[in-house]
C-alpha atoms as a PDB file:
ATOM      1  CA  MET A   1       0.000   0.000   0.000  1.00  0.00           C
ATOM      2  CA  ALA A   2       1.230   3.519  -0.786  1.00  0.00           C
ATOM      3  CA  ASN A   3       2.500   5.627   2.098  1.00  0.00           C
ATOM      4  CA  LYS A   4      -0.712   7.667   2.222  1.00  0.00           C
ATOM      5  CA  HIS A   5      -4.347   7.305   3.155  1.00  0.00           C
ATOM      6  CA  ILE A   6      -6.723   6.484   0.299  1.00  0.00           C
ATOM      7  CA  LEU A   7     -10.088   7.834   1.369  1.00  0.00           C
ATOM      8  CA  SER A   8     -13.374   6.510   0.014  1.00  0.00           C
ATOM      9  CA  LEU A   9     -17.012   6.262   1.091  1.00  0.00           C
ATOM     10  CA  GLU A  10     -19.906   3.953   0.291  1.00  0.00           C
ATOM     11  CA  ILE A  11     -23.290   5.705   0.180  1.00  0.00           C
ATOM     12  CA  PRO A  12     -25.902   3.034  -0.587  1.00  0.00           C
ATOM     13  CA  THR A  13     -29.496   3.622  -1.580  1.00  0.00           C
ATOM     14  CA  VAL A  14     -31.670   2.657   1.394  1.00  0.00           C
ATOM     15  CA  ALA A  15     -35.383   1.843   1.641  1.00  0.00           C
ATOM     16  CA  ASN A  16     -35.975   3.854   4.835  1.00  0.00           C
ATOM     17  CA  CYS A  17     -36.923   7.469   4.021  1.00  0.00           C
ATOM     18  CA  GLU A  18     -35.778   8.586   7.492  1.00  0.00           C
ATOM     19  CA  ILE A  19     -32.226   7.194   7.212  1.00  0.00           C
ATOM     20  CA  PHE A  20     -29.132   8.309   5.299  1.00  0.00           C
ATOM     21  CA  ARG A  21     -26.412   5.644   5.305  1.00  0.00           C
ATOM     22  CA  ILE A  22     -22.674   6.379   4.918  1.00  0.00           C
ATOM     23  CA  LYS A  23     -19.884   3.838   5.371  1.00  0.00           C
ATOM     24  CA  ASP A  24     -16.142   4.451   5.475  1.00  0.00           C
ATOM     25  CA  THR A  25     -14.389   2.208   2.927  1.00  0.00           C
ATOM     26  CA  SER A  26     -11.023   4.007   3.083  1.00  0.00           C
ATOM     27  CA  GLN A  27      -7.621   2.333   3.101  1.00  0.00           C
ATOM     28  CA  TYR A  28      -5.417   3.765   5.854  1.00  0.00           C
ATOM     29  CA  THR A  29      -1.664   3.288   5.874  1.00  0.00           C
ATOM     30  CA  ASP A  30      -0.119   2.112   9.156  1.00  0.00           C
ATOM     31  CA  SER A  31       2.760   4.571   8.812  1.00  0.00           C
ATOM     32  CA  LEU A  32       0.568   7.664   9.186  1.00  0.00           C
ATOM     33  CA  TYR A  33      -1.616   8.632  12.140  1.00  0.00           C
ATOM     34  CA  VAL A  34      -5.346   9.058  11.470  1.00  0.00           C
ATOM     35  CA  ASP A  35      -6.874  11.997  13.329  1.00  0.00           C
ATOM     36  CA  CYS A  36      -9.554  14.685  13.121  1.00  0.00           C
ATOM     37  CA  GLY A  37     -12.019  12.725  10.988  1.00  0.00           C
ATOM     38  CA  GLU A  38     -14.693  15.074   9.648  1.00  0.00           C
ATOM     39  CA  LEU A  39     -17.783  14.291   7.617  1.00  0.00           C
ATOM     40  CA  LEU A  40     -19.272  17.411   6.028  1.00  0.00           C
ATOM     41  CA  ILE A  41     -22.707  16.925   4.471  1.00  0.00           C
ATOM     42  CA  THR A  42     -24.482  19.653   2.521  1.00  0.00           C
ATOM     43  CA  PRO A  43     -28.160  18.759   1.874  1.00  0.00           C
ATOM     44  CA  PRO A  44     -29.994  20.056  -1.210  1.00  0.00           C
ATOM     45  CA  GLY A  45     -31.107  23.653  -0.787  1.00  0.00           C
ATOM     46  CA  PHE A  46     -28.479  24.413   1.883  1.00  0.00           C
ATOM     47  CA  ASN A  47     -25.573  26.807   1.304  1.00  0.00           C
ATOM     48  CA  GLN A  48     -23.335  25.402   4.017  1.00  0.00           C
ATOM     49  CA  GLY A  49     -22.597  21.930   5.251  1.00  0.00           C
ATOM     50  CA  ASN A  50     -23.268  20.229   8.559  1.00  0.00           C
ATOM     51  CA  LEU A  51     -20.158  18.800  10.235  1.00  0.00           C
ATOM     52  CA  ILE A  52     -20.099  15.418  12.012  1.00  0.00           C
ATOM     53  CA  LYS A  53     -16.972  14.238  13.831  1.00  0.00           C
ATOM     54  CA  VAL A  54     -16.182  10.609  12.971  1.00  0.00           C
ATOM     55  CA  GLN A  55     -13.650   7.859  13.645  1.00  0.00           C
ATOM     56  CA  PRO A  56     -12.006   5.710  10.927  1.00  0.00           C
ATOM     57  CA  GLY A  57     -14.141   2.745   9.902  1.00  0.00           C
ATOM     58  CA  PHE A  58     -17.433   4.503  10.712  1.00  0.00           C
ATOM     59  CA  ASP A  59     -20.727   3.083   9.459  1.00  0.00           C
ATOM     60  CA  LEU A  60     -23.469   5.626  10.116  1.00  0.00           C
ATOM     61  CA  ALA A  61     -27.242   5.520   9.780  1.00  0.00           C
ATOM     62  CA  ILE A  62     -27.854   9.259   9.889  1.00  0.00           C
ATOM     63  CA  ASN A  63     -31.239  10.851  10.489  1.00  0.00           C
ATOM     64  CA  SER A  64     -32.595  14.328   9.805  1.00  0.00           C
ATOM     65  CA  CYS A  65     -31.384  15.604  13.187  1.00  0.00           C
ATOM     66  CA  SER A  66     -27.756  14.720  12.540  1.00  0.00           C
ATOM     67  CA  LEU A  67     -28.024  16.168   9.036  1.00  0.00           C
ATOM     68  CA  GLY A  68     -29.102  19.467  10.528  1.00  0.00           C
ATOM     69  CA  VAL A  69     -32.313  19.623   8.495  1.00  0.00           C
ATOM     70  CA  GLN A  70     -34.410  19.015  11.660  1.00  0.00           C
ATOM     71  CA  THR A  71     -33.770  20.790  14.962  1.00  0.00           C
ATOM     72  CA  ILE A  72     -37.129  20.339  16.757  1.00  0.00           C
ATOM     73  CA  GLY A  73     -38.006  17.006  18.375  1.00  0.00           C
ATOM     74  CA  CYS A  74     -34.449  15.657  18.369  1.00  0.00           C
ATOM     75  CA  THR A  75     -33.631  13.469  21.381  1.00  0.00           C
ATOM     76  CA  GLY A  76     -30.578  11.742  22.859  1.00  0.00           C
ATOM     77  CA  THR A  77     -29.085  14.436  25.093  1.00  0.00           C
ATOM     78  CA  SER A  78     -29.952  18.017  25.885  1.00  0.00           C
ATOM     79  CA  LEU A  79     -27.609  19.056  23.058  1.00  0.00           C
ATOM     80  CA  SER A  80     -28.853  16.607  20.420  1.00  0.00           C
ATOM     81  CA  GLY A  81     -29.818  18.378  17.222  1.00  0.00           C
ATOM     82  CA  VAL A  82     -28.435  21.677  18.503  1.00  0.00           C
ATOM     83  CA  VAL A  83     -26.449  23.369  15.744  1.00  0.00           C
ATOM     84  CA  THR A  84     -23.356  25.386  16.631  1.00  0.00           C
ATOM     85  CA  THR A  85     -21.167  27.430  14.308  1.00  0.00           C
ATOM     86  CA  ASN A  86     -17.399  27.395  14.008  1.00  0.00           C
ATOM     87  CA  THR A  87     -14.657  28.340  11.594  1.00  0.00           C
ATOM     88  CA  ASP A  88     -12.434  25.738   9.941  1.00  0.00           C
ATOM     89  CA  VAL A  89      -8.719  26.022   9.118  1.00  0.00           C
ATOM     90  CA  CYS A  90      -9.548  27.680   5.802  1.00  0.00           C
ATOM     91  CA  GLY A  91     -11.688  30.347   7.458  1.00  0.00           C
ATOM     92  CA  ASN A  92     -14.982  28.815   6.299  1.00  0.00           C
ATOM     93  CA  THR A  93     -17.990  28.984   8.602  1.00  0.00           C
ATOM     94  CA  ILE A  94     -19.473  25.545   9.207  1.00  0.00           C
ATOM     95  CA  SER A  95     -22.455  24.317  11.222  1.00  0.00           C
ATOM     96  CA  THR A  96     -21.872  21.386  13.577  1.00  0.00           C
ATOM     97  CA  THR A  97     -24.598  19.125  14.987  1.00  0.00           C
ATOM     98  CA  ASN A  98     -23.918  17.464  18.328  1.00  0.00           C
ATOM     99  CA  VAL A  99     -22.880  13.878  17.612  1.00  0.00           C
ATOM    100  CA  ASN A 100     -25.464  12.505  20.060  1.00  0.00           C
ATOM    101  CA  ALA A 101     -28.125  13.574  17.595  1.00  0.00           C
ATOM    102  CA  LEU A 102     -27.209  10.392  15.734  1.00  0.00           C
ATOM    103  CA  THR A 103     -29.096   8.400  18.390  1.00  0.00           C
ATOM    104  CA  GLY A 104     -32.481   9.418  17.068  1.00  0.00           C
ATOM    105  CA  SER A 105     -35.453  11.696  17.306  1.00  0.00           C
ATOM    106  CA  SER A 106     -38.827  11.479  18.945  1.00  0.00           C
ATOM    107  CA  SER A 107     -40.371  12.509  15.613  1.00  0.00           C
ATOM    108  CA  ARG A 108     -37.987  12.103  12.729  1.00  0.00           C
ATOM    109  CA  SER A 109     -38.591  13.871   9.436  1.00  0.00           C
ATOM    110  CA  ALA A 110     -38.186  12.097   6.123  1.00  0.00           C
ATOM    111  CA  ILE A 111     -34.907  12.940   4.392  1.00  0.00           C
ATOM    112  CA  ALA A 112     -35.618  14.470   0.998  1.00  0.00           C
ATOM    113  CA  ASP A 113     -34.350  13.196  -2.320  1.00  0.00           C
ATOM    114  CA  GLY A 114     -31.855  15.388  -4.151  1.00  0.00           C
ATOM    115  CA  ILE A 115     -28.133  16.035  -4.459  1.00  0.00           C
ATOM    116  CA  TYR A 116     -26.072  15.819  -1.267  1.00  0.00           C
ATOM    117  CA  ILE A 117     -22.463  17.022  -1.302  1.00  0.00           C
ATOM    118  CA  ILE A 118     -20.459  14.780   1.018  1.00  0.00           C
ATOM    119  CA  ARG A 119     -16.869  15.538   2.010  1.00  0.00           C
ATOM    120  CA  TYR A 120     -14.791  13.268   4.224  1.00  0.00           C
ATOM    121  CA  ALA A 121     -11.429  14.490   5.508  1.00  0.00           C
ATOM    122  CA  VAL A 122      -8.720  13.523   8.017  1.00  0.00           C
ATOM    123  CA  ALA A 123      -5.816  15.620   9.275  1.00  0.00           C
ATOM    124  CA  PRO A 124      -4.500  17.654   7.584  1.00  0.00           C
ATOM    125  CA  THR A 125      -8.106  18.182   6.482  1.00  0.00           C
ATOM    126  CA  ASP A 126      -7.270  20.778   3.810  1.00  0.00           C
ATOM    127  CA  ARG A 127      -5.155  18.232   1.909  1.00  0.00           C
ATOM    128  CA  VAL A 128      -6.453  14.749   2.767  1.00  0.00           C
ATOM    129  CA  TYR A 129     -10.086  14.524   1.737  1.00  0.00           C
ATOM    130  CA  VAL A 130     -12.538  13.025  -0.730  1.00  0.00           C
ATOM    131  CA  GLU A 131     -15.762  14.623  -1.967  1.00  0.00           C
ATOM    132  CA  TYR A 132     -18.836  13.157  -3.619  1.00  0.00           C
ATOM    133  CA  ASN A 133     -22.033  14.347  -5.250  1.00  0.00           C
ATOM    134  CA  HIS A 134     -24.675  11.826  -4.135  1.00  0.00           C
ATOM    135  CA  LEU A 135     -28.163  11.712  -5.646  1.00  0.00           C
ATOM    136  CA  ARG A 136     -30.574  10.332  -3.069  1.00  0.00           C
ATOM    137  CA  ILE A 137     -33.424   8.466  -4.793  1.00  0.00           C
ATOM    138  CA  THR A 138     -35.096   6.741  -1.826  1.00  0.00           C
ATOM    139  CA  GLY A 139     -38.350   8.697  -2.143  1.00  0.00           C
ATOM    140  CA  ILE A 140     -38.824   8.258  -5.881  1.00  0.00           C
ATOM    141  CA  MET A 141     -37.946   4.537  -5.725  1.00  0.00           C
ATOM    142  CA  LYS A 142     -40.495   4.023  -2.959  1.00  0.00           C
ATOM    143  CA  SER A 143     -43.114   5.608  -5.258  1.00  0.00           C
ATOM    144  CA  TYR A 144     -41.896   3.479  -8.179  1.00  0.00           C
ATOM    145  CA  TYR A 145     -42.285   0.211  -6.255  1.00  0.00           C
ATOM    146  CA  LYS A 146     -45.692   1.334  -4.971  1.00  0.00           C
ATOM    147  CA  LYS A 147     -46.821   1.783  -8.604  1.00  0.00           C
ATOM    148  CA  LEU A 148     -45.575  -1.736  -9.424  1.00  0.00           C
ATOM    149  CA  CYS A 149     -47.623  -3.093  -6.514  1.00  0.00           C
ATOM    150  CA  ASP A 150     -50.694  -1.231  -7.787  1.00  0.00           C
ATOM    151  CA  LEU A 151     -50.179  -2.659 -11.284  1.00  0.00           C
ATOM    152  CA  ASP A 152     -50.256  -6.198  -9.863  1.00  0.00           C
ATOM    153  CA  VAL A 153     -47.926  -7.645 -12.509  1.00  0.00           C
ATOM    154  CA  THR A 154     -48.611 -11.349 -13.182  1.00  0.00           C
ATOM    155  CA  PRO A 155     -46.628 -14.068 -15.051  1.00  0.00           C
ATOM    156  CA  CYS A 156     -48.727 -13.924 -18.211  1.00  0.00           C
ATOM    157  CA  GLU A 157     -48.755 -12.059 -21.511  1.00  0.00           C
ATOM    158  CA  PRO A 158     -49.879  -8.444 -21.018  1.00  0.00           C
ATOM    159  CA  ASN A 159     -52.627  -6.878 -23.095  1.00  0.00           C
ATOM    160  CA  SER A 160     -51.928  -3.776 -25.180  1.00  0.00           C
ATOM    161  CA  LYS A 161     -52.799  -1.353 -22.367  1.00  0.00           C
ATOM    162  CA  GLN A 162     -50.548  -3.201 -19.932  1.00  0.00           C
ATOM    163  CA  GLN A 163     -47.706  -3.283 -22.460  1.00  0.00           C
ATOM    164  CA  SER A 164     -47.899   0.477 -22.834  1.00  0.00           C
ATOM    165  CA  ILE A 165     -47.744   1.052 -19.076  1.00  0.00           C
ATOM    166  CA  TYR A 166     -44.914  -1.478 -18.630  1.00  0.00           C
ATOM    167  CA  ARG A 167     -42.866   0.298 -21.321  1.00  0.00           C
ATOM    168  CA  GLU A 168     -43.496   3.600 -19.554  1.00  0.00           C
ATOM    169  CA  MET A 169     -42.386   2.155 -16.207  1.00  0.00           C
ATOM    170  CA  ASN A 170     -39.199   0.772 -17.800  1.00  0.00           C
ATOM    171  CA  PHE A 171     -38.507   4.180 -19.336  1.00  0.00           C
ATOM    172  CA  ILE A 172     -39.024   5.908 -15.975  1.00  0.00           C
ATOM    173  CA  LYS A 173     -36.571   3.522 -14.299  1.00  0.00           C
ATOM    174  CA  LEU A 174     -34.047   4.254 -17.063  1.00  0.00           C
ATOM    175  CA  MET A 175     -34.440   7.997 -16.402  1.00  0.00           C
ATOM    176  CA  ILE A 176     -33.838   7.465 -12.655  1.00  0.00           C
ATOM    177  CA  ASP A 177     -30.703   5.402 -13.345  1.00  0.00           C
ATOM    178  CA  ALA A 178     -29.480   7.971 -15.864  1.00  0.00           C
ATOM    179  CA  ALA A 179     -30.065  10.793 -13.363  1.00  0.00           C
ATOM    180  CA  LYS A 180     -27.921   8.991 -10.773  1.00  0.00           C
ATOM    181  CA  ALA A 181     -25.201   8.350 -13.371  1.00  0.00           C
ATOM    182  CA  LYS A 182     -25.158  12.016 -14.441  1.00  0.00           C
ATOM    183  CA  VAL A 183     -24.774  13.234 -10.858  1.00  0.00           C
ATOM    184  CA  GLU A 184     -22.381  10.640  -9.453  1.00  0.00           C
ATOM    185  CA  TYR A 185     -20.302   9.522 -12.450  1.00  0.00           C
ATOM    186  CA  CYS A 186     -20.571  12.141 -15.204  1.00  0.00           C
ATOM    187  CA  GLN A 187     -20.073  15.251 -13.014  1.00  0.00           C
ATOM    188  CA  SER A 188     -23.248  16.759 -14.475  1.00  0.00           C
ATOM    189  CA  PRO A 189     -25.485  17.463 -11.438  1.00  0.00           C
ATOM    190  CA  ALA A 190     -27.783  19.935 -13.195  1.00  0.00           C
ATOM    191  CA  GLU A 191     -28.517  17.480 -16.017  1.00  0.00           C
ATOM    192  CA  GLY A 192     -29.022  14.735 -13.453  1.00  0.00           C
ATOM    193  CA  MET A 193     -31.672  16.711 -11.597  1.00  0.00           C
ATOM    194  CA  GLN A 194     -33.456  17.486 -14.875  1.00  0.00           C
ATOM    195  CA  LEU A 195     -33.691  13.745 -15.554  1.00  0.00           C
ATOM    196  CA  TYR A 196     -34.813  13.069 -11.971  1.00  0.00           C
ATOM    197  CA  ASN A 197     -37.587  15.679 -12.132  1.00  0.00           C
ATOM    198  CA  PHE A 198     -38.683  14.403 -15.556  1.00  0.00           C
ATOM    199  CA  ALA A 199     -38.917  10.843 -14.223  1.00  0.00           C
ATOM    200  CA  LYS A 200     -40.828  11.994 -11.141  1.00  0.00           C
ATOM    201  CA  LYS A 201     -43.439  13.846 -13.223  1.00  0.00           C
ATOM    202  CA  LYS A 202     -43.952  10.866 -15.528  1.00  0.00           C
ATOM    203  CA  LEU A 203     -44.256   8.509 -12.548  1.00  0.00           C
ATOM    204  CA  GLU A 204     -46.952  10.704 -10.997  1.00  0.00           C
ATOM    205  CA  LYS A 205     -48.991  10.374 -14.191  1.00  0.00           C
ATOM    206  CA  ILE A 206     -49.041   6.564 -14.069  1.00  0.00           C
ATOM    207  CA  THR A 207     -52.511   5.510 -12.914  1.00  0.00           C
ATOM    208  CA  CYS A 208     -54.002   2.057 -12.472  1.00  0.00           C
ATOM    209  CA  SER A 209     -57.435   1.165 -13.829  1.00  0.00           C
ATOM    210  CA  ASN A 210     -59.348  -2.117 -14.063  1.00  0.00           C
ATOM    211  CA  GLU A 211     -58.183  -2.388 -17.664  1.00  0.00           C
ATOM    212  CA  CYS A 212     -54.484  -2.541 -16.749  1.00  0.00           C
ATOM    213  CA  CYS A 213     -54.498  -4.079 -13.254  1.00  0.00           C
END
């Protein structure tokens, strides 16, 4: 292994709308100390990130309190969900949520779909870091699977109306996959969100009648 840390994260798509999962998959060299682990997450619609202190090898199931998008109803300690502000080594102002907010909330909010900017760094944090654009699709996939349940697909040849709806559902899934690829692999977040919004609108128009179900 090279004489340096190779940072990486795994951010899987989860089925729970209240959970955001992040796992450390970094390779750390034994010849360098690992310190000051910082996970900076900027949710869609936010101008600044929320900082969570972490240890190497972390595997977090983060909720809306620890993301900083919910501050009311957070439980764990008296400081859970409380956001404080500080300045990093580069002079940037960052919000920090108390780590105990990770324990939960008495009334958790759903975590919205959209593009999350995720930066993981260890000391020296201005030079050793990795950053990702992650498109969360938990909400739209939950709607997609709900439509499939409503369609009640059976192992028999579909009629013409069913064929049309099945083609549309396949096209919508392609648009969702393409949106994720644009954001996470093609470095084209704006195009990715256009595809996501297009897929969401088409999915909302899918209706089930006696003729197709």
